[in-house]
Amino acid sequence: MTTPLLSPPELHYLMAHQVWARLEGDGTATVGITQLGIRLSGEVYMCRPKRISTALMQGDTVAVVELSKSVVPVKTPVSGTVLVINEALQDQPELVHRDPYGSGWIARLQLTNWPADQTALLTGDALAPAMAHHAWLYRQALVPATSGTTHPPGDGKPHQP
């Protein structure tokens, strides 16, 4: 049995890249990978954030992670300049998948374009159905169909590409 996925509703999510941002109230945001993103990609063996002072636009690579069979970029959900990186990840990269919304954060950025960035982010009540749909889409792409189901559970309609 798999454990239920967590998606704290107060965070802001860039669904296409399965990353999150937590606004810190001082013009900065802490960023990381969602629990669904980790579940879809697998265990993290290495996490290398960008260097401090690196300027990033929303969707740019904020870090790279090494998985069991690949190295993949982690995209930033917000535009900003890297102020702090999670140095604990150097010795304990497993924090990313053990505690993705806590000690597994990747970097803190000084926000540079929050008004524009937030239009692409989901938060609050919109989050649960979007996350369930995203999980369903990946399950359909990763697992051969056995039931013939062509729609996500609960909506009663065929999926429209």
N, C-alpha and C. Protein backbone atom coordinates (compact mmCIF):
# COMPACT_ATOMS: atom_id res chain seq x y z
N MET A 1 0.84 -1.19 0.00
CA MET A 1 0.00 0.00 0.00
C MET A 1 0.88 1.25 0.00
N THR A 2 0.55 2.22 -0.83
CA THR A 2 1.32 3.46 -0.88
C THR A 2 0.70 4.48 0.08
N THR A 3 1.54 5.33 0.61
CA THR A 3 1.05 6.36 1.51
C THR A 3 0.42 7.47 0.69
N PRO A 4 -0.58 8.16 1.27
CA PRO A 4 -1.21 9.26 0.54
C PRO A 4 -0.21 10.38 0.28
N LEU A 5 -0.43 11.06 -0.83
CA LEU A 5 0.44 12.19 -1.19
C LEU A 5 0.02 13.44 -0.43
N LEU A 6 0.99 14.18 0.04
CA LEU A 6 0.73 15.44 0.70
C LEU A 6 0.97 16.58 -0.26
N SER A 7 0.14 17.60 -0.18
CA SER A 7 0.31 18.82 -0.97
C SER A 7 -0.20 19.97 -0.11
N PRO A 8 0.66 20.53 0.75
CA PRO A 8 0.20 21.62 1.61
C PRO A 8 -0.46 22.74 0.80
N PRO A 9 -1.71 23.09 1.12
CA PRO A 9 -2.45 24.06 0.30
C PRO A 9 -1.92 25.48 0.37
N GLU A 10 -1.09 25.81 1.35
CA GLU A 10 -0.56 27.18 1.45
C GLU A 10 0.64 27.41 0.53
N LEU A 11 1.18 26.35 -0.05
CA LEU A 11 2.30 26.49 -0.98
C LEU A 11 1.78 26.83 -2.37
N HIS A 12 2.68 27.27 -3.23
CA HIS A 12 2.35 27.61 -4.62
C HIS A 12 3.08 26.62 -5.51
N TYR A 13 2.34 25.96 -6.42
CA TYR A 13 2.86 24.85 -7.19
C TYR A 13 2.91 25.15 -8.69
N LEU A 14 4.03 24.80 -9.30
CA LEU A 14 4.17 24.83 -10.75
C LEU A 14 3.96 23.39 -11.19
N MET A 15 2.73 23.06 -11.56
CA MET A 15 2.31 21.67 -11.77
C MET A 15 3.11 20.96 -12.84
N ALA A 16 3.39 21.61 -13.95
CA ALA A 16 4.08 20.95 -15.06
C ALA A 16 5.44 20.40 -14.65
N HIS A 17 6.06 21.02 -13.64
CA HIS A 17 7.40 20.59 -13.22
C HIS A 17 7.40 19.98 -11.82
N GLN A 18 6.24 19.89 -11.18
CA GLN A 18 6.10 19.31 -9.85
C GLN A 18 7.08 19.91 -8.84
N VAL A 19 7.07 21.25 -8.78
CA VAL A 19 7.87 21.98 -7.82
C VAL A 19 6.97 22.96 -7.07
N TRP A 20 7.43 23.39 -5.90
CA TRP A 20 6.64 24.27 -5.05
C TRP A 20 7.46 25.47 -4.58
N ALA A 21 6.73 26.51 -4.14
CA ALA A 21 7.35 27.69 -3.53
C ALA A 21 6.56 28.05 -2.28
N ARG A 22 7.29 28.36 -1.22
CA ARG A 22 6.69 28.86 0.02
C ARG A 22 7.11 30.31 0.18
N LEU A 23 6.13 31.22 0.15
CA LEU A 23 6.44 32.64 0.34
C LEU A 23 6.81 32.86 1.80
N GLU A 24 7.90 33.57 2.03
CA GLU A 24 8.42 33.74 3.38
C GLU A 24 8.04 35.07 4.02
N GLY A 25 7.36 35.97 3.29
CA GLY A 25 6.91 37.23 3.87
C GLY A 25 7.95 38.34 3.85
N ASP A 26 9.15 38.05 3.38
CA ASP A 26 10.21 39.07 3.33
C ASP A 26 10.70 39.29 1.90
N GLY A 27 9.84 38.92 0.93
CA GLY A 27 10.23 39.07 -0.47
C GLY A 27 11.04 37.90 -1.00
N THR A 28 11.09 36.82 -0.21
CA THR A 28 11.80 35.61 -0.64
C THR A 28 10.82 34.44 -0.71
N ALA A 29 11.27 33.38 -1.36
CA ALA A 29 10.50 32.14 -1.41
C ALA A 29 11.46 30.97 -1.30
N THR A 30 11.06 29.98 -0.53
CA THR A 30 11.79 28.72 -0.44
C THR A 30 11.18 27.80 -1.47
N VAL A 31 12.01 27.03 -2.20
CA VAL A 31 11.51 26.17 -3.27
C VAL A 31 11.98 24.73 -3.06
N GLY A 32 11.19 23.81 -3.63
CA GLY A 32 11.52 22.39 -3.54
C GLY A 32 10.71 21.58 -4.53
N ILE A 33 10.83 20.27 -4.43
CA ILE A 33 10.14 19.32 -5.31
C ILE A 33 8.93 18.76 -4.57
N THR A 34 7.82 18.56 -5.28
CA THR A 34 6.63 18.01 -4.65
C THR A 34 6.81 16.53 -4.32
N GLN A 35 5.98 16.06 -3.41
CA GLN A 35 6.00 14.65 -3.06
C GLN A 35 5.61 13.80 -4.28
N LEU A 36 4.67 14.27 -5.07
CA LEU A 36 4.29 13.56 -6.29
C LEU A 36 5.47 13.52 -7.26
N GLY A 37 6.17 14.62 -7.42
CA GLY A 37 7.34 14.65 -8.29
C GLY A 37 8.39 13.64 -7.87
N ILE A 38 8.62 13.53 -6.58
CA ILE A 38 9.57 12.55 -6.06
C ILE A 38 9.07 11.14 -6.33
N ARG A 39 7.79 10.90 -6.08
CA ARG A 39 7.24 9.55 -6.29
C ARG A 39 7.34 9.15 -7.76
N LEU A 40 7.12 10.10 -8.65
CA LEU A 40 7.18 9.80 -10.08
C LEU A 40 8.61 9.55 -10.56
N SER A 41 9.58 10.25 -9.96
CA SER A 41 10.94 10.12 -10.44
C SER A 41 11.79 9.11 -9.68
N GLY A 42 11.52 8.90 -8.43
CA GLY A 42 12.28 7.91 -7.66
C GLY A 42 13.21 8.53 -6.65
N GLU A 43 13.97 7.68 -6.00
CA GLU A 43 14.85 8.11 -4.92
C GLU A 43 15.96 9.02 -5.42
N VAL A 44 16.23 10.05 -4.64
CA VAL A 44 17.27 11.03 -4.96
C VAL A 44 18.57 10.61 -4.30
N TYR A 45 19.63 10.48 -5.10
CA TYR A 45 20.95 10.09 -4.59
C TYR A 45 21.91 11.27 -4.50
N MET A 46 21.59 12.36 -5.19
CA MET A 46 22.42 13.55 -5.18
C MET A 46 21.53 14.73 -5.55
N CYS A 47 21.75 15.87 -4.89
CA CYS A 47 21.04 17.10 -5.24
C CYS A 47 22.05 18.23 -5.24
N ARG A 48 22.16 18.91 -6.38
CA ARG A 48 23.13 19.99 -6.52
C ARG A 48 22.39 21.27 -6.93
N PRO A 49 22.13 22.17 -5.96
CA PRO A 49 21.47 23.44 -6.29
C PRO A 49 22.41 24.37 -7.05
N LYS A 50 21.82 25.35 -7.73
CA LYS A 50 22.61 26.40 -8.38
C LYS A 50 23.36 27.20 -7.31
N ARG A 51 24.37 27.91 -7.74
CA ARG A 51 25.18 28.70 -6.81
C ARG A 51 24.42 29.93 -6.32
N ILE A 52 24.80 30.38 -5.13
CA ILE A 52 24.25 31.62 -4.58
C ILE A 52 24.56 32.75 -5.56
N SER A 53 23.62 33.66 -5.70
CA SER A 53 23.65 34.83 -6.59
C SER A 53 23.25 34.51 -8.03
N THR A 54 22.90 33.25 -8.33
CA THR A 54 22.43 32.90 -9.67
C THR A 54 21.04 33.48 -9.87
N ALA A 55 20.84 34.20 -10.96
CA ALA A 55 19.53 34.76 -11.31
C ALA A 55 18.78 33.74 -12.17
N LEU A 56 17.51 33.52 -11.81
CA LEU A 56 16.69 32.52 -12.51
C LEU A 56 15.34 33.10 -12.87
N MET A 57 14.82 32.64 -14.00
CA MET A 57 13.44 32.94 -14.40
C MET A 57 12.59 31.72 -14.07
N GLN A 58 11.30 31.94 -13.87
CA GLN A 58 10.40 30.83 -13.61
C GLN A 58 10.59 29.76 -14.68
N GLY A 59 10.78 28.51 -14.26
CA GLY A 59 10.97 27.40 -15.19
C GLY A 59 12.43 27.10 -15.50
N ASP A 60 13.37 27.97 -15.07
CA ASP A 60 14.79 27.68 -15.22
C ASP A 60 15.21 26.59 -14.24
N THR A 61 16.37 26.01 -14.47
CA THR A 61 16.88 24.96 -13.59
C THR A 61 17.47 25.57 -12.32
N VAL A 62 16.91 25.19 -11.16
CA VAL A 62 17.40 25.66 -9.87
C VAL A 62 18.34 24.64 -9.23
N ALA A 63 18.27 23.39 -9.70
CA ALA A 63 19.13 22.32 -9.17
C ALA A 63 19.10 21.16 -10.15
N VAL A 64 20.02 20.23 -9.96
CA VAL A 64 19.95 18.95 -10.65
C VAL A 64 19.95 17.87 -9.58
N VAL A 65 19.19 16.81 -9.86
CA VAL A 65 19.16 15.67 -8.95
C VAL A 65 19.57 14.42 -9.71
N GLU A 66 20.29 13.57 -9.00
CA GLU A 66 20.66 12.27 -9.57
C GLU A 66 19.72 11.24 -8.99
N LEU A 67 19.08 10.51 -9.90
CA LEU A 67 18.18 9.43 -9.54
C LEU A 67 18.89 8.12 -9.80
N SER A 68 18.22 7.01 -9.65
CA SER A 68 18.90 5.73 -9.82
C SER A 68 19.47 5.53 -11.22
N LYS A 69 18.81 6.07 -12.23
CA LYS A 69 19.27 5.84 -13.60
C LYS A 69 19.41 7.10 -14.44
N SER A 70 19.31 8.27 -13.82
CA SER A 70 19.40 9.49 -14.61
C SER A 70 19.72 10.69 -13.73
N VAL A 71 20.13 11.76 -14.39
CA VAL A 71 20.31 13.05 -13.75
C VAL A 71 19.31 13.98 -14.42
N VAL A 72 18.48 14.65 -13.59
CA VAL A 72 17.42 15.48 -14.16
C VAL A 72 17.44 16.88 -13.54
N PRO A 73 17.01 17.87 -14.32
CA PRO A 73 16.94 19.23 -13.79
C PRO A 73 15.70 19.41 -12.93
N VAL A 74 15.83 20.24 -11.92
CA VAL A 74 14.69 20.66 -11.09
C VAL A 74 14.43 22.11 -11.47
N LYS A 75 13.22 22.40 -11.89
CA LYS A 75 12.87 23.75 -12.34
C LYS A 75 12.41 24.60 -11.16
N THR A 76 12.62 25.89 -11.26
CA THR A 76 12.16 26.79 -10.20
C THR A 76 10.72 27.24 -10.50
N PRO A 77 9.86 27.24 -9.47
CA PRO A 77 8.49 27.72 -9.68
C PRO A 77 8.39 29.24 -9.73
N VAL A 78 9.45 29.94 -9.30
CA VAL A 78 9.43 31.40 -9.24
C VAL A 78 10.72 31.98 -9.81
N SER A 79 10.62 33.21 -10.27
CA SER A 79 11.81 33.94 -10.72
C SER A 79 12.48 34.57 -9.51
N GLY A 80 13.81 34.57 -9.53
CA GLY A 80 14.51 35.20 -8.43
C GLY A 80 16.00 34.92 -8.46
N THR A 81 16.67 35.44 -7.46
CA THR A 81 18.11 35.25 -7.31
C THR A 81 18.33 34.33 -6.11
N VAL A 82 19.17 33.32 -6.30
CA VAL A 82 19.44 32.36 -5.24
C VAL A 82 20.18 33.06 -4.10
N LEU A 83 19.56 33.04 -2.91
CA LEU A 83 20.16 33.65 -1.73
C LEU A 83 20.82 32.62 -0.83
N VAL A 84 20.14 31.48 -0.68
CA VAL A 84 20.59 30.43 0.23
C VAL A 84 20.31 29.09 -0.42
N ILE A 85 21.21 28.14 -0.24
CA ILE A 85 20.95 26.77 -0.69
C ILE A 85 20.91 25.87 0.54
N ASN A 86 20.23 24.77 0.43
CA ASN A 86 20.12 23.82 1.53
C ASN A 86 21.39 22.97 1.55
N GLU A 87 22.35 23.39 2.34
CA GLU A 87 23.65 22.70 2.38
C GLU A 87 23.54 21.30 2.96
N ALA A 88 22.50 21.02 3.72
CA ALA A 88 22.32 19.67 4.28
C ALA A 88 22.16 18.63 3.18
N LEU A 89 21.70 19.06 2.00
CA LEU A 89 21.50 18.11 0.89
C LEU A 89 22.81 17.55 0.35
N GLN A 90 23.91 18.23 0.60
CA GLN A 90 25.20 17.73 0.13
C GLN A 90 25.52 16.38 0.78
N ASP A 91 25.27 16.26 2.07
CA ASP A 91 25.55 15.01 2.79
C ASP A 91 24.32 14.12 2.93
N GLN A 92 23.13 14.70 2.81
CA GLN A 92 21.89 13.96 3.01
C GLN A 92 20.88 14.24 1.90
N PRO A 93 21.18 13.88 0.66
CA PRO A 93 20.25 14.18 -0.44
C PRO A 93 18.90 13.49 -0.26
N GLU A 94 18.84 12.46 0.53
CA GLU A 94 17.57 11.75 0.76
C GLU A 94 16.54 12.62 1.47
N LEU A 95 16.96 13.75 2.06
CA LEU A 95 16.00 14.67 2.68
C LEU A 95 14.97 15.15 1.66
N VAL A 96 15.37 15.24 0.39
CA VAL A 96 14.45 15.70 -0.66
C VAL A 96 13.23 14.79 -0.73
N HIS A 97 13.42 13.48 -0.63
CA HIS A 97 12.25 12.60 -0.72
C HIS A 97 11.69 12.21 0.65
N ARG A 98 12.49 12.30 1.71
CA ARG A 98 11.98 11.99 3.05
C ARG A 98 11.09 13.10 3.60
N ASP A 99 11.44 14.34 3.33
CA ASP A 99 10.71 15.49 3.88
C ASP A 99 10.68 16.62 2.84
N PRO A 100 9.97 16.41 1.71
CA PRO A 100 10.04 17.36 0.59
C PRO A 100 9.55 18.77 0.92
N TYR A 101 8.64 18.93 1.90
CA TYR A 101 8.11 20.25 2.22
C TYR A 101 8.75 20.85 3.47
N GLY A 102 9.69 20.13 4.05
CA GLY A 102 10.37 20.60 5.26
C GLY A 102 11.86 20.66 5.04
N SER A 103 12.60 19.74 5.66
CA SER A 103 14.06 19.77 5.59
C SER A 103 14.61 19.43 4.22
N GLY A 104 13.77 19.00 3.28
CA GLY A 104 14.21 18.68 1.92
C GLY A 104 14.10 19.82 0.93
N TRP A 105 13.90 21.04 1.41
CA TRP A 105 13.86 22.20 0.51
C TRP A 105 15.18 22.33 -0.22
N ILE A 106 15.16 23.02 -1.36
CA ILE A 106 16.37 23.11 -2.18
C ILE A 106 17.06 24.46 -2.07
N ALA A 107 16.32 25.56 -2.22
CA ALA A 107 16.94 26.89 -2.20
C ALA A 107 15.93 27.93 -1.76
N ARG A 108 16.46 29.09 -1.35
CA ARG A 108 15.62 30.25 -1.08
C ARG A 108 16.04 31.32 -2.08
N LEU A 109 15.03 31.91 -2.73
CA LEU A 109 15.27 32.91 -3.76
C LEU A 109 14.69 34.26 -3.36
N GLN A 110 15.40 35.33 -3.71
CA GLN A 110 14.85 36.68 -3.61
C GLN A 110 13.95 36.86 -4.83
N LEU A 111 12.66 37.04 -4.61
CA LEU A 111 11.71 37.12 -5.71
C LEU A 111 11.97 38.35 -6.58
N THR A 112 11.87 38.16 -7.90
CA THR A 112 12.08 39.28 -8.82
C THR A 112 10.89 39.55 -9.73
N ASN A 113 9.93 38.61 -9.83
CA ASN A 113 8.80 38.83 -10.74
C ASN A 113 7.55 38.11 -10.23
N TRP A 114 7.27 38.25 -8.93
CA TRP A 114 6.16 37.53 -8.32
C TRP A 114 4.81 37.78 -9.01
N PRO A 115 4.43 39.02 -9.35
CA PRO A 115 3.12 39.22 -9.98
C PRO A 115 2.95 38.38 -11.26
N ALA A 116 3.96 38.30 -12.08
CA ALA A 116 3.87 37.50 -13.31
C ALA A 116 3.95 36.01 -12.99
N ASP A 117 4.83 35.62 -12.07
CA ASP A 117 5.01 34.21 -11.74
C ASP A 117 3.74 33.58 -11.19
N GLN A 118 3.04 34.29 -10.33
CA GLN A 118 1.91 33.68 -9.65
C GLN A 118 0.78 33.28 -10.60
N THR A 119 0.72 33.85 -11.79
CA THR A 119 -0.33 33.47 -12.74
C THR A 119 -0.20 32.02 -13.20
N ALA A 120 1.01 31.46 -13.13
CA ALA A 120 1.24 30.07 -13.56
C ALA A 120 1.20 29.09 -12.40
N LEU A 121 0.99 29.58 -11.18
CA LEU A 121 1.05 28.72 -10.00
C LEU A 121 -0.33 28.39 -9.46
N LEU A 122 -0.45 27.20 -8.89
CA LEU A 122 -1.69 26.79 -8.24
C LEU A 122 -1.50 26.76 -6.74
N THR A 123 -2.57 27.07 -6.01
CA THR A 123 -2.55 27.04 -4.56
C THR A 123 -3.96 26.84 -4.05
N GLY A 124 -4.11 26.52 -2.78
CA GLY A 124 -5.42 26.43 -2.14
C GLY A 124 -6.32 25.35 -2.72
N ASP A 125 -7.61 25.69 -2.90
CA ASP A 125 -8.63 24.74 -3.33
C ASP A 125 -8.39 24.17 -4.72
N ALA A 126 -7.70 24.89 -5.58
CA ALA A 126 -7.44 24.42 -6.95
C ALA A 126 -6.42 23.29 -6.97
N LEU A 127 -5.71 23.12 -5.88
CA LEU A 127 -4.58 22.20 -5.85
C LEU A 127 -4.95 20.72 -5.90
N ALA A 128 -5.85 20.27 -5.03
CA ALA A 128 -6.15 18.83 -4.92
C ALA A 128 -6.61 18.22 -6.24
N PRO A 129 -7.59 18.82 -6.94
CA PRO A 129 -8.00 18.20 -8.20
C PRO A 129 -6.90 18.23 -9.27
N ALA A 130 -6.12 19.31 -9.30
CA ALA A 130 -5.03 19.40 -10.29
C ALA A 130 -3.96 18.37 -10.00
N MET A 131 -3.62 18.17 -8.74
CA MET A 131 -2.59 17.20 -8.37
C MET A 131 -3.09 15.78 -8.68
N ALA A 132 -4.35 15.49 -8.39
CA ALA A 132 -4.91 14.16 -8.70
C ALA A 132 -4.90 13.92 -10.21
N HIS A 133 -5.24 14.93 -10.97
CA HIS A 133 -5.25 14.78 -12.43
C HIS A 133 -3.84 14.58 -12.96
N HIS A 134 -2.89 15.32 -12.43
CA HIS A 134 -1.49 15.18 -12.86
C HIS A 134 -0.99 13.77 -12.55
N ALA A 135 -1.31 13.27 -11.36
CA ALA A 135 -0.90 11.91 -10.99
C ALA A 135 -1.54 10.90 -11.94
N TRP A 136 -2.81 11.11 -12.26
CA TRP A 136 -3.52 10.19 -13.17
C TRP A 136 -2.88 10.22 -14.56
N LEU A 137 -2.54 11.40 -15.06
CA LEU A 137 -1.91 11.50 -16.38
C LEU A 137 -0.60 10.72 -16.42
N TYR A 138 0.22 10.87 -15.38
CA TYR A 138 1.49 10.15 -15.36
C TYR A 138 1.29 8.66 -15.21
N ARG A 139 0.31 8.26 -14.44
CA ARG A 139 0.02 6.83 -14.29
C ARG A 139 -0.37 6.26 -15.64
N GLN A 140 -1.15 7.01 -16.40
CA GLN A 140 -1.55 6.55 -17.73
C GLN A 140 -0.34 6.46 -18.66
N ALA A 141 0.60 7.37 -18.53
CA ALA A 141 1.77 7.38 -19.40
C ALA A 141 2.79 6.31 -18.99
N LEU A 142 2.84 5.99 -17.69
CA LEU A 142 3.86 5.09 -17.19
C LEU A 142 3.42 3.64 -17.07
N VAL A 143 2.13 3.40 -16.90
CA VAL A 143 1.63 2.05 -16.67
C VAL A 143 0.71 1.66 -17.81
N PRO A 144 0.93 0.50 -18.43
CA PRO A 144 0.03 0.07 -19.51
C PRO A 144 -1.40 -0.04 -18.99
N ALA A 145 -2.34 0.38 -19.81
CA ALA A 145 -3.75 0.32 -19.42
C ALA A 145 -4.19 -1.13 -19.30
N THR A 146 -4.87 -1.44 -18.20
CA THR A 146 -5.39 -2.79 -18.00
C THR A 146 -6.90 -2.79 -17.82
N SER A 147 -7.45 -1.63 -17.47
CA SER A 147 -8.88 -1.58 -17.20
C SER A 147 -9.67 -0.99 -18.36
N GLY A 148 -8.99 -0.36 -19.29
CA GLY A 148 -9.69 0.30 -20.38
C GLY A 148 -10.22 1.66 -19.98
N THR A 149 -9.96 2.11 -18.77
CA THR A 149 -10.44 3.41 -18.31
C THR A 149 -9.77 4.52 -19.10
N THR A 150 -10.57 5.45 -19.58
CA THR A 150 -10.02 6.56 -20.35
C THR A 150 -10.27 7.89 -19.66
N HIS A 151 -10.63 7.86 -18.39
CA HIS A 151 -10.85 9.11 -17.67
C HIS A 151 -10.38 8.96 -16.24
N PRO A 152 -10.00 10.08 -15.62
CA PRO A 152 -9.57 10.00 -14.24
C PRO A 152 -10.74 9.66 -13.34
N PRO A 153 -10.52 8.90 -12.27
CA PRO A 153 -11.60 8.56 -11.38
C PRO A 153 -12.29 9.80 -10.86
N GLY A 154 -13.60 9.74 -10.83
CA GLY A 154 -14.37 10.80 -10.21
C GLY A 154 -14.94 11.84 -11.15
N ASP A 155 -14.44 11.99 -12.37
CA ASP A 155 -15.02 13.03 -13.18
C ASP A 155 -16.06 12.50 -14.17
N GLY A 156 -16.06 11.19 -14.42
CA GLY A 156 -17.08 10.57 -15.25
C GLY A 156 -17.01 10.92 -16.73
N LYS A 157 -15.98 11.61 -17.16
CA LYS A 157 -15.87 12.02 -18.55
C LYS A 157 -14.56 11.52 -19.14
N PRO A 158 -14.55 11.21 -20.42
CA PRO A 158 -13.28 10.85 -21.07
C PRO A 158 -12.30 12.01 -20.99
N HIS A 159 -11.03 11.68 -20.91
CA HIS A 159 -9.98 12.70 -20.88
C HIS A 159 -9.90 13.39 -22.23
N GLN A 160 -9.85 14.70 -22.22
CA GLN A 160 -9.71 15.48 -23.45
C GLN A 160 -8.26 15.95 -23.55
N PRO A 161 -7.50 15.48 -24.56
CA PRO A 161 -6.10 15.91 -24.67
C PRO A 161 -5.98 17.39 -24.93
